[in-house]
Amino acid sequence: MASQRQAIEARSVTAQSRSSYPEPYRSRVLPREKRRLGDAFGLTRVGINQTTLPPGKESSMRHWHTREDEFVYVLEGEVVLRTGAGEQLLTAGMCAGFPAGVEDGHQLINRSGRPAVYLEVSNRDPEDEGRYSEPDVDLVWNAPHARGRMSRRDGRPY
């Protein structure tokens, strides 16, 4: 439900720890906390999450989007950004952007000893598909035959 206020404390938004990933991928990303800040204001065209990623966890499997731009801004701690080009350490105050349709998957990994907090921002496109870059990660998000769900690359559902 949208807030009637124009400004809130991010901590006031209930943190959720869930994932649409099936195993064995789910345990790689959970537990984590996501505060759906955009939802708190009723935003429908842009998604904004404040995510807390504990040590040893991954933000996602390495992926890219067909129709959504994505932007990440590190607020606290540090994460390793992993792309096809390799790895880069991101610390508080650093950001990264991923244009829609660029087939270079990305993910964040917390290899530090303390939680990392970052913002995720993207446009919301119901036709977007999440594609996964790792050959051993047999996933597709929101494929035309499986809207709103994960499926295997050959179309079989999880």
N, C-alpha and C. Protein backbone atom coordinates (compact mmCIF):
# COMPACT_ATOMS: atom_id res chain seq x y z
N MET A 1 0.85 -1.18 0.00
CA MET A 1 0.00 0.00 0.00
C MET A 1 0.89 1.24 0.00
N ALA A 2 0.53 2.21 -0.75
CA ALA A 2 1.31 3.43 -0.88
C ALA A 2 1.21 4.29 0.37
N SER A 3 2.32 4.91 0.69
CA SER A 3 2.37 5.83 1.82
C SER A 3 1.62 7.12 1.46
N GLN A 4 0.97 7.72 2.42
CA GLN A 4 0.33 9.01 2.21
C GLN A 4 1.32 10.14 2.45
N ARG A 5 2.49 9.80 2.96
CA ARG A 5 3.51 10.81 3.21
C ARG A 5 4.47 10.88 2.04
N GLN A 6 5.11 12.03 1.88
CA GLN A 6 6.05 12.19 0.79
C GLN A 6 7.46 11.78 1.16
N ALA A 7 7.73 11.63 2.45
CA ALA A 7 9.06 11.22 2.89
C ALA A 7 8.92 10.31 4.09
N ILE A 8 9.76 9.28 4.14
CA ILE A 8 9.74 8.31 5.23
C ILE A 8 11.18 7.90 5.54
N GLU A 9 11.37 7.26 6.67
CA GLU A 9 12.63 6.61 6.99
C GLU A 9 12.63 5.27 6.25
N ALA A 10 13.69 4.97 5.52
CA ALA A 10 13.75 3.70 4.79
C ALA A 10 13.57 2.51 5.73
N ARG A 11 14.07 2.63 6.96
CA ARG A 11 13.93 1.54 7.94
C ARG A 11 12.49 1.25 8.29
N SER A 12 11.58 2.20 8.03
CA SER A 12 10.18 1.99 8.37
C SER A 12 9.48 1.05 7.39
N VAL A 13 10.09 0.78 6.24
CA VAL A 13 9.53 -0.15 5.26
C VAL A 13 9.92 -1.57 5.69
N THR A 14 8.96 -2.44 5.79
CA THR A 14 9.21 -3.81 6.25
C THR A 14 10.20 -4.52 5.33
N ALA A 15 11.22 -5.10 5.93
CA ALA A 15 12.22 -5.86 5.18
C ALA A 15 11.66 -7.24 4.85
N GLN A 16 11.90 -7.68 3.63
CA GLN A 16 11.47 -9.01 3.19
C GLN A 16 12.69 -9.84 2.86
N SER A 17 12.61 -11.12 3.15
CA SER A 17 13.68 -12.04 2.80
C SER A 17 13.06 -13.20 2.03
N ARG A 18 12.98 -13.01 0.71
CA ARG A 18 12.42 -14.06 -0.13
C ARG A 18 13.07 -13.99 -1.50
N SER A 19 12.87 -15.04 -2.28
CA SER A 19 13.44 -15.12 -3.61
C SER A 19 12.58 -16.03 -4.47
N SER A 20 12.46 -15.70 -5.74
CA SER A 20 11.73 -16.57 -6.66
C SER A 20 12.63 -17.66 -7.23
N TYR A 21 13.91 -17.65 -6.85
CA TYR A 21 14.82 -18.69 -7.33
C TYR A 21 14.45 -20.05 -6.74
N PRO A 22 14.51 -21.09 -7.56
CA PRO A 22 14.41 -22.45 -7.02
C PRO A 22 15.78 -22.85 -6.47
N GLU A 23 15.81 -23.91 -5.68
CA GLU A 23 17.11 -24.47 -5.28
C GLU A 23 17.74 -25.10 -6.52
N PRO A 24 19.06 -25.08 -6.62
CA PRO A 24 20.05 -24.76 -5.60
C PRO A 24 20.42 -23.28 -5.52
N TYR A 25 19.74 -22.43 -6.28
CA TYR A 25 20.11 -21.02 -6.35
C TYR A 25 19.60 -20.21 -5.16
N ARG A 26 18.44 -20.58 -4.64
CA ARG A 26 17.83 -19.81 -3.55
C ARG A 26 18.76 -19.68 -2.35
N SER A 27 19.41 -20.75 -1.96
CA SER A 27 20.27 -20.70 -0.77
C SER A 27 21.52 -19.85 -1.00
N ARG A 28 21.85 -19.55 -2.23
CA ARG A 28 22.99 -18.68 -2.52
C ARG A 28 22.67 -17.22 -2.25
N VAL A 29 21.38 -16.84 -2.28
CA VAL A 29 20.99 -15.44 -2.10
C VAL A 29 20.29 -15.15 -0.77
N LEU A 30 19.75 -16.18 -0.14
CA LEU A 30 19.03 -15.98 1.13
C LEU A 30 19.84 -16.46 2.31
N PRO A 31 19.69 -15.83 3.47
CA PRO A 31 18.80 -14.71 3.74
C PRO A 31 19.42 -13.40 3.28
N ARG A 32 18.57 -12.49 2.92
CA ARG A 32 18.92 -11.11 2.60
C ARG A 32 17.69 -10.28 2.94
N GLU A 33 17.87 -8.98 3.07
CA GLU A 33 16.73 -8.11 3.36
C GLU A 33 16.53 -7.14 2.22
N LYS A 34 15.31 -7.08 1.72
CA LYS A 34 14.94 -6.09 0.70
C LYS A 34 13.82 -5.23 1.23
N ARG A 35 14.01 -3.94 1.17
CA ARG A 35 12.97 -2.98 1.52
C ARG A 35 12.50 -2.35 0.20
N ARG A 36 11.28 -2.60 -0.16
CA ARG A 36 10.73 -2.15 -1.45
C ARG A 36 10.28 -0.69 -1.32
N LEU A 37 11.25 0.20 -1.45
CA LEU A 37 11.00 1.62 -1.23
C LEU A 37 10.06 2.20 -2.28
N GLY A 38 10.20 1.82 -3.51
CA GLY A 38 9.30 2.32 -4.54
C GLY A 38 7.86 1.93 -4.27
N ASP A 39 7.64 0.70 -3.83
CA ASP A 39 6.29 0.24 -3.51
C ASP A 39 5.69 1.04 -2.37
N ALA A 40 6.53 1.47 -1.42
CA ALA A 40 6.04 2.23 -0.27
C ALA A 40 5.38 3.54 -0.70
N PHE A 41 5.75 4.03 -1.88
CA PHE A 41 5.18 5.28 -2.39
C PHE A 41 4.19 5.05 -3.53
N GLY A 42 3.93 3.79 -3.84
CA GLY A 42 3.00 3.49 -4.93
C GLY A 42 3.59 3.71 -6.31
N LEU A 43 4.92 3.72 -6.42
CA LEU A 43 5.55 3.91 -7.72
C LEU A 43 5.30 2.68 -8.59
N THR A 44 4.89 2.89 -9.81
CA THR A 44 4.55 1.77 -10.70
C THR A 44 5.48 1.67 -11.91
N ARG A 45 6.24 2.71 -12.20
CA ARG A 45 7.11 2.69 -13.38
C ARG A 45 8.57 2.48 -13.06
N VAL A 46 8.91 2.66 -11.79
CA VAL A 46 10.29 2.46 -11.36
C VAL A 46 10.29 1.63 -10.08
N GLY A 47 11.21 0.69 -10.03
CA GLY A 47 11.39 -0.11 -8.82
C GLY A 47 12.63 0.36 -8.09
N ILE A 48 12.51 0.52 -6.77
CA ILE A 48 13.65 0.94 -5.94
C ILE A 48 13.65 0.06 -4.71
N ASN A 49 14.73 -0.66 -4.51
CA ASN A 49 14.89 -1.52 -3.34
C ASN A 49 16.14 -1.11 -2.58
N GLN A 50 16.04 -1.15 -1.26
CA GLN A 50 17.24 -1.05 -0.42
C GLN A 50 17.51 -2.47 0.05
N THR A 51 18.65 -3.00 -0.33
CA THR A 51 18.97 -4.39 -0.05
C THR A 51 20.14 -4.46 0.93
N THR A 52 20.01 -5.33 1.92
CA THR A 52 21.11 -5.66 2.83
C THR A 52 21.54 -7.08 2.52
N LEU A 53 22.79 -7.23 2.11
CA LEU A 53 23.34 -8.52 1.71
C LEU A 53 24.36 -8.97 2.75
N PRO A 54 24.06 -10.07 3.45
CA PRO A 54 24.98 -10.55 4.48
C PRO A 54 26.28 -11.10 3.88
N PRO A 55 27.32 -11.23 4.70
CA PRO A 55 28.57 -11.83 4.23
C PRO A 55 28.32 -13.21 3.63
N GLY A 56 29.01 -13.48 2.53
CA GLY A 56 28.93 -14.79 1.89
C GLY A 56 27.75 -14.98 0.95
N LYS A 57 26.89 -13.99 0.82
CA LYS A 57 25.70 -14.14 -0.04
C LYS A 57 25.89 -13.41 -1.37
N GLU A 58 25.10 -13.83 -2.37
CA GLU A 58 25.09 -13.23 -3.69
C GLU A 58 23.78 -12.49 -3.87
N SER A 59 23.81 -11.40 -4.64
CA SER A 59 22.59 -10.63 -4.89
C SER A 59 21.63 -11.41 -5.78
N SER A 60 22.18 -12.18 -6.69
CA SER A 60 21.42 -12.92 -7.69
C SER A 60 22.39 -13.86 -8.38
N MET A 61 21.90 -14.63 -9.32
CA MET A 61 22.80 -15.31 -10.24
C MET A 61 23.18 -14.26 -11.28
N ARG A 62 24.30 -14.47 -11.97
CA ARG A 62 24.75 -13.47 -12.94
C ARG A 62 23.74 -13.40 -14.08
N HIS A 63 23.13 -12.21 -14.27
CA HIS A 63 22.01 -12.05 -15.19
C HIS A 63 22.05 -10.71 -15.91
N TRP A 64 21.21 -10.59 -16.93
CA TRP A 64 20.98 -9.33 -17.65
C TRP A 64 19.50 -9.26 -18.00
N HIS A 65 19.04 -8.06 -18.33
CA HIS A 65 17.62 -7.83 -18.61
C HIS A 65 17.42 -7.46 -20.07
N THR A 66 16.34 -7.97 -20.65
CA THR A 66 16.04 -7.67 -22.05
C THR A 66 15.47 -6.27 -22.23
N ARG A 67 14.69 -5.77 -21.24
CA ARG A 67 13.99 -4.50 -21.41
C ARG A 67 14.10 -3.54 -20.23
N GLU A 68 14.82 -3.91 -19.22
CA GLU A 68 14.95 -3.03 -18.05
C GLU A 68 16.39 -2.59 -17.85
N ASP A 69 16.57 -1.28 -17.67
CA ASP A 69 17.84 -0.75 -17.21
C ASP A 69 17.93 -1.04 -15.72
N GLU A 70 19.15 -1.18 -15.23
CA GLU A 70 19.34 -1.43 -13.80
C GLU A 70 20.51 -0.59 -13.30
N PHE A 71 20.36 -0.08 -12.08
CA PHE A 71 21.36 0.79 -11.46
C PHE A 71 21.52 0.36 -10.01
N VAL A 72 22.76 0.32 -9.54
CA VAL A 72 23.06 -0.07 -8.16
C VAL A 72 23.96 1.00 -7.54
N TYR A 73 23.64 1.39 -6.29
CA TYR A 73 24.43 2.37 -5.56
C TYR A 73 24.73 1.80 -4.17
N VAL A 74 26.01 1.65 -3.83
CA VAL A 74 26.41 1.08 -2.55
C VAL A 74 26.36 2.16 -1.47
N LEU A 75 25.57 1.88 -0.43
CA LEU A 75 25.41 2.81 0.69
C LEU A 75 26.38 2.52 1.84
N GLU A 76 26.54 1.22 2.15
CA GLU A 76 27.41 0.80 3.27
C GLU A 76 28.11 -0.49 2.90
N GLY A 77 29.32 -0.64 3.41
CA GLY A 77 30.05 -1.89 3.21
C GLY A 77 30.66 -1.98 1.82
N GLU A 78 30.86 -3.23 1.37
CA GLU A 78 31.46 -3.45 0.06
C GLU A 78 30.93 -4.74 -0.54
N VAL A 79 30.88 -4.76 -1.85
CA VAL A 79 30.48 -5.94 -2.61
C VAL A 79 31.41 -6.07 -3.81
N VAL A 80 31.50 -7.26 -4.33
CA VAL A 80 32.25 -7.50 -5.56
C VAL A 80 31.24 -7.56 -6.69
N LEU A 81 31.44 -6.71 -7.69
CA LEU A 81 30.63 -6.72 -8.91
C LEU A 81 31.29 -7.72 -9.86
N ARG A 82 30.52 -8.71 -10.28
CA ARG A 82 31.02 -9.73 -11.20
C ARG A 82 30.28 -9.60 -12.53
N THR A 83 31.03 -9.42 -13.62
CA THR A 83 30.48 -9.35 -14.97
C THR A 83 31.34 -10.21 -15.89
N GLY A 84 31.03 -10.21 -17.17
CA GLY A 84 31.85 -10.94 -18.13
C GLY A 84 33.26 -10.40 -18.23
N ALA A 85 33.45 -9.14 -17.84
CA ALA A 85 34.77 -8.51 -17.89
C ALA A 85 35.63 -8.87 -16.68
N GLY A 86 35.05 -9.50 -15.68
CA GLY A 86 35.79 -9.86 -14.48
C GLY A 86 35.13 -9.34 -13.23
N GLU A 87 35.93 -9.01 -12.24
CA GLU A 87 35.42 -8.57 -10.94
C GLU A 87 35.95 -7.19 -10.59
N GLN A 88 35.12 -6.44 -9.87
CA GLN A 88 35.50 -5.10 -9.42
C GLN A 88 34.92 -4.89 -8.03
N LEU A 89 35.72 -4.39 -7.12
CA LEU A 89 35.26 -4.10 -5.77
C LEU A 89 34.49 -2.78 -5.77
N LEU A 90 33.28 -2.80 -5.24
CA LEU A 90 32.47 -1.59 -5.08
C LEU A 90 32.37 -1.29 -3.59
N THR A 91 32.69 -0.09 -3.21
CA THR A 91 32.61 0.33 -1.82
C THR A 91 31.57 1.45 -1.69
N ALA A 92 31.27 1.83 -0.45
CA ALA A 92 30.26 2.86 -0.21
C ALA A 92 30.54 4.10 -1.05
N GLY A 93 29.49 4.58 -1.73
CA GLY A 93 29.60 5.74 -2.58
C GLY A 93 29.81 5.40 -4.05
N MET A 94 30.07 4.13 -4.36
CA MET A 94 30.26 3.73 -5.75
C MET A 94 28.94 3.23 -6.33
N CYS A 95 28.83 3.31 -7.65
CA CYS A 95 27.61 2.86 -8.32
C CYS A 95 27.97 2.17 -9.62
N ALA A 96 26.99 1.43 -10.15
CA ALA A 96 27.16 0.73 -11.42
C ALA A 96 25.83 0.73 -12.15
N GLY A 97 25.88 0.72 -13.48
CA GLY A 97 24.66 0.72 -14.28
C GLY A 97 24.71 -0.33 -15.36
N PHE A 98 23.55 -0.87 -15.69
CA PHE A 98 23.45 -1.97 -16.64
C PHE A 98 22.30 -1.69 -17.61
N PRO A 99 22.62 -1.27 -18.85
CA PRO A 99 21.57 -0.96 -19.82
C PRO A 99 20.81 -2.21 -20.27
N ALA A 100 19.54 -2.04 -20.53
CA ALA A 100 18.71 -3.12 -21.04
C ALA A 100 19.27 -3.65 -22.35
N GLY A 101 19.16 -4.97 -22.52
CA GLY A 101 19.54 -5.59 -23.78
C GLY A 101 21.01 -5.89 -23.95
N VAL A 102 21.87 -5.45 -23.03
CA VAL A 102 23.30 -5.74 -23.12
C VAL A 102 23.53 -7.11 -22.49
N GLU A 103 23.98 -8.06 -23.30
CA GLU A 103 24.08 -9.46 -22.89
C GLU A 103 25.34 -9.74 -22.07
N ASP A 104 25.56 -8.95 -21.05
CA ASP A 104 26.69 -9.15 -20.13
C ASP A 104 26.10 -9.21 -18.73
N GLY A 105 25.94 -10.40 -18.23
CA GLY A 105 25.32 -10.58 -16.92
C GLY A 105 26.14 -9.98 -15.79
N HIS A 106 25.44 -9.60 -14.74
CA HIS A 106 26.07 -9.00 -13.57
C HIS A 106 25.49 -9.60 -12.30
N GLN A 107 26.25 -9.54 -11.25
CA GLN A 107 25.81 -9.93 -9.92
C GLN A 107 26.73 -9.26 -8.91
N LEU A 108 26.24 -9.16 -7.67
CA LEU A 108 27.03 -8.65 -6.56
C LEU A 108 27.26 -9.80 -5.59
N ILE A 109 28.46 -9.86 -5.03
CA ILE A 109 28.81 -10.89 -4.06
C ILE A 109 29.41 -10.20 -2.85
N ASN A 110 28.94 -10.57 -1.65
CA ASN A 110 29.51 -9.99 -0.44
C ASN A 110 30.57 -10.95 0.10
N ARG A 111 31.82 -10.64 -0.16
CA ARG A 111 32.93 -11.46 0.33
C ARG A 111 33.55 -10.87 1.59
N SER A 112 32.97 -9.81 2.10
CA SER A 112 33.52 -9.15 3.28
C SER A 112 32.98 -9.84 4.54
N GLY A 113 33.39 -9.34 5.67
CA GLY A 113 32.96 -9.89 6.95
C GLY A 113 31.77 -9.17 7.57
N ARG A 114 31.18 -8.20 6.84
CA ARG A 114 30.03 -7.48 7.40
C ARG A 114 28.98 -7.25 6.32
N PRO A 115 27.74 -6.98 6.73
CA PRO A 115 26.68 -6.75 5.74
C PRO A 115 26.99 -5.55 4.85
N ALA A 116 26.50 -5.64 3.62
CA ALA A 116 26.58 -4.53 2.68
C ALA A 116 25.15 -4.05 2.41
N VAL A 117 24.99 -2.74 2.24
CA VAL A 117 23.68 -2.16 1.96
C VAL A 117 23.79 -1.37 0.66
N TYR A 118 22.84 -1.61 -0.26
CA TYR A 118 22.86 -0.90 -1.53
C TYR A 118 21.45 -0.66 -2.03
N LEU A 119 21.33 0.31 -2.93
CA LEU A 119 20.07 0.59 -3.61
C LEU A 119 20.08 -0.08 -4.97
N GLU A 120 18.95 -0.67 -5.35
CA GLU A 120 18.73 -1.21 -6.69
C GLU A 120 17.61 -0.38 -7.31
N VAL A 121 17.83 0.11 -8.52
CA VAL A 121 16.83 0.92 -9.20
C VAL A 121 16.66 0.36 -10.61
N SER A 122 15.41 0.17 -11.03
CA SER A 122 15.16 -0.26 -12.40
C SER A 122 13.78 0.19 -12.84
N ASN A 123 13.61 0.27 -14.15
CA ASN A 123 12.26 0.51 -14.67
C ASN A 123 11.48 -0.80 -14.57
N ARG A 124 10.18 -0.70 -14.56
CA ARG A 124 9.34 -1.88 -14.46
C ARG A 124 8.68 -2.12 -15.82
N ASP A 125 9.07 -3.19 -16.46
CA ASP A 125 8.52 -3.53 -17.76
C ASP A 125 7.99 -4.96 -17.70
N PRO A 126 6.69 -5.14 -17.84
CA PRO A 126 6.11 -6.48 -17.72
C PRO A 126 6.59 -7.44 -18.80
N GLU A 127 7.16 -6.92 -19.88
CA GLU A 127 7.66 -7.76 -20.97
C GLU A 127 9.14 -8.13 -20.78
N ASP A 128 9.77 -7.58 -19.75
CA ASP A 128 11.19 -7.86 -19.50
C ASP A 128 11.40 -9.33 -19.21
N GLU A 129 12.53 -9.83 -19.68
CA GLU A 129 12.99 -11.17 -19.32
C GLU A 129 14.35 -11.06 -18.67
N GLY A 130 14.56 -11.85 -17.63
CA GLY A 130 15.87 -11.96 -17.01
C GLY A 130 16.56 -13.17 -17.60
N ARG A 131 17.73 -12.95 -18.18
CA ARG A 131 18.50 -14.03 -18.78
C ARG A 131 19.75 -14.23 -17.95
N TYR A 132 20.19 -15.47 -17.86
CA TYR A 132 21.30 -15.82 -16.99
C TYR A 132 22.52 -16.20 -17.81
N SER A 133 23.69 -15.68 -17.38
CA SER A 133 24.91 -15.76 -18.16
C SER A 133 25.74 -17.00 -17.91
N GLU A 134 25.53 -17.64 -16.81
CA GLU A 134 26.35 -18.81 -16.48
C GLU A 134 25.80 -20.05 -17.18
N PRO A 135 26.63 -20.82 -17.86
CA PRO A 135 26.10 -22.01 -18.55
C PRO A 135 25.48 -23.03 -17.59
N ASP A 136 25.95 -23.05 -16.35
CA ASP A 136 25.42 -24.02 -15.38
C ASP A 136 24.21 -23.50 -14.61
N VAL A 137 23.74 -22.29 -14.90
CA VAL A 137 22.54 -21.73 -14.26
C VAL A 137 21.41 -21.83 -15.28
N ASP A 138 20.58 -22.86 -15.12
CA ASP A 138 19.51 -23.16 -16.07
C ASP A 138 18.24 -22.42 -15.67
N LEU A 139 18.22 -21.10 -15.90
CA LEU A 139 17.10 -20.26 -15.51
C LEU A 139 16.74 -19.27 -16.61
N VAL A 140 15.46 -18.92 -16.66
CA VAL A 140 14.96 -17.77 -17.40
C VAL A 140 13.84 -17.20 -16.55
N TRP A 141 13.81 -15.87 -16.38
CA TRP A 141 12.74 -15.21 -15.63
C TRP A 141 11.78 -14.56 -16.61
N ASN A 142 10.49 -14.83 -16.43
CA ASN A 142 9.43 -14.13 -17.16
C ASN A 142 9.46 -14.38 -18.66
N ALA A 143 9.87 -15.58 -19.06
CA ALA A 143 9.85 -15.91 -20.49
C ALA A 143 8.40 -15.86 -21.00
N PRO A 144 8.21 -15.67 -22.29
CA PRO A 144 6.83 -15.54 -22.81
C PRO A 144 5.91 -16.69 -22.43
N HIS A 145 6.47 -17.89 -22.28
CA HIS A 145 5.66 -19.05 -21.91
C HIS A 145 5.48 -19.19 -20.39
N ALA A 146 6.15 -18.33 -19.61
CA ALA A 146 6.10 -18.47 -18.14
C ALA A 146 6.13 -17.10 -17.49
N ARG A 147 5.18 -16.24 -17.82
CA ARG A 147 5.15 -14.87 -17.28
C ARG A 147 5.07 -14.89 -15.75
N GLY A 148 5.94 -14.09 -15.13
CA GLY A 148 5.95 -13.97 -13.68
C GLY A 148 6.56 -15.16 -12.95
N ARG A 149 7.26 -16.02 -13.69
CA ARG A 149 7.83 -17.23 -13.07
C ARG A 149 9.22 -17.53 -13.61
N MET A 150 9.90 -18.39 -12.88
CA MET A 150 11.17 -18.94 -13.34
C MET A 150 10.86 -20.20 -14.13
N SER A 151 11.65 -20.41 -15.17
CA SER A 151 11.57 -21.66 -15.90
C SER A 151 12.99 -22.05 -16.31
N ARG A 152 13.11 -23.28 -16.81
CA ARG A 152 14.38 -23.70 -17.36
C ARG A 152 14.50 -23.13 -18.79
N ARG A 153 15.72 -23.13 -19.31
CA ARG A 153 15.92 -22.57 -20.65
C ARG A 153 15.11 -23.29 -21.71
N ASP A 154 14.86 -24.59 -21.52
CA ASP A 154 14.09 -25.34 -22.51
C ASP A 154 12.58 -25.18 -22.32
N GLY A 155 12.17 -24.34 -21.34
CA GLY A 155 10.75 -24.05 -21.13
C GLY A 155 10.09 -24.83 -20.03
N ARG A 156 10.75 -25.87 -19.52
CA ARG A 156 10.15 -26.64 -18.43
C ARG A 156 10.07 -25.78 -17.17
N PRO A 157 8.95 -25.83 -16.44
CA PRO A 157 8.84 -25.04 -15.22
C PRO A 157 9.64 -25.64 -14.06
N TYR A 158 9.93 -24.79 -13.09
CA TYR A 158 10.53 -25.29 -11.85
C TYR A 158 9.42 -25.66 -10.90
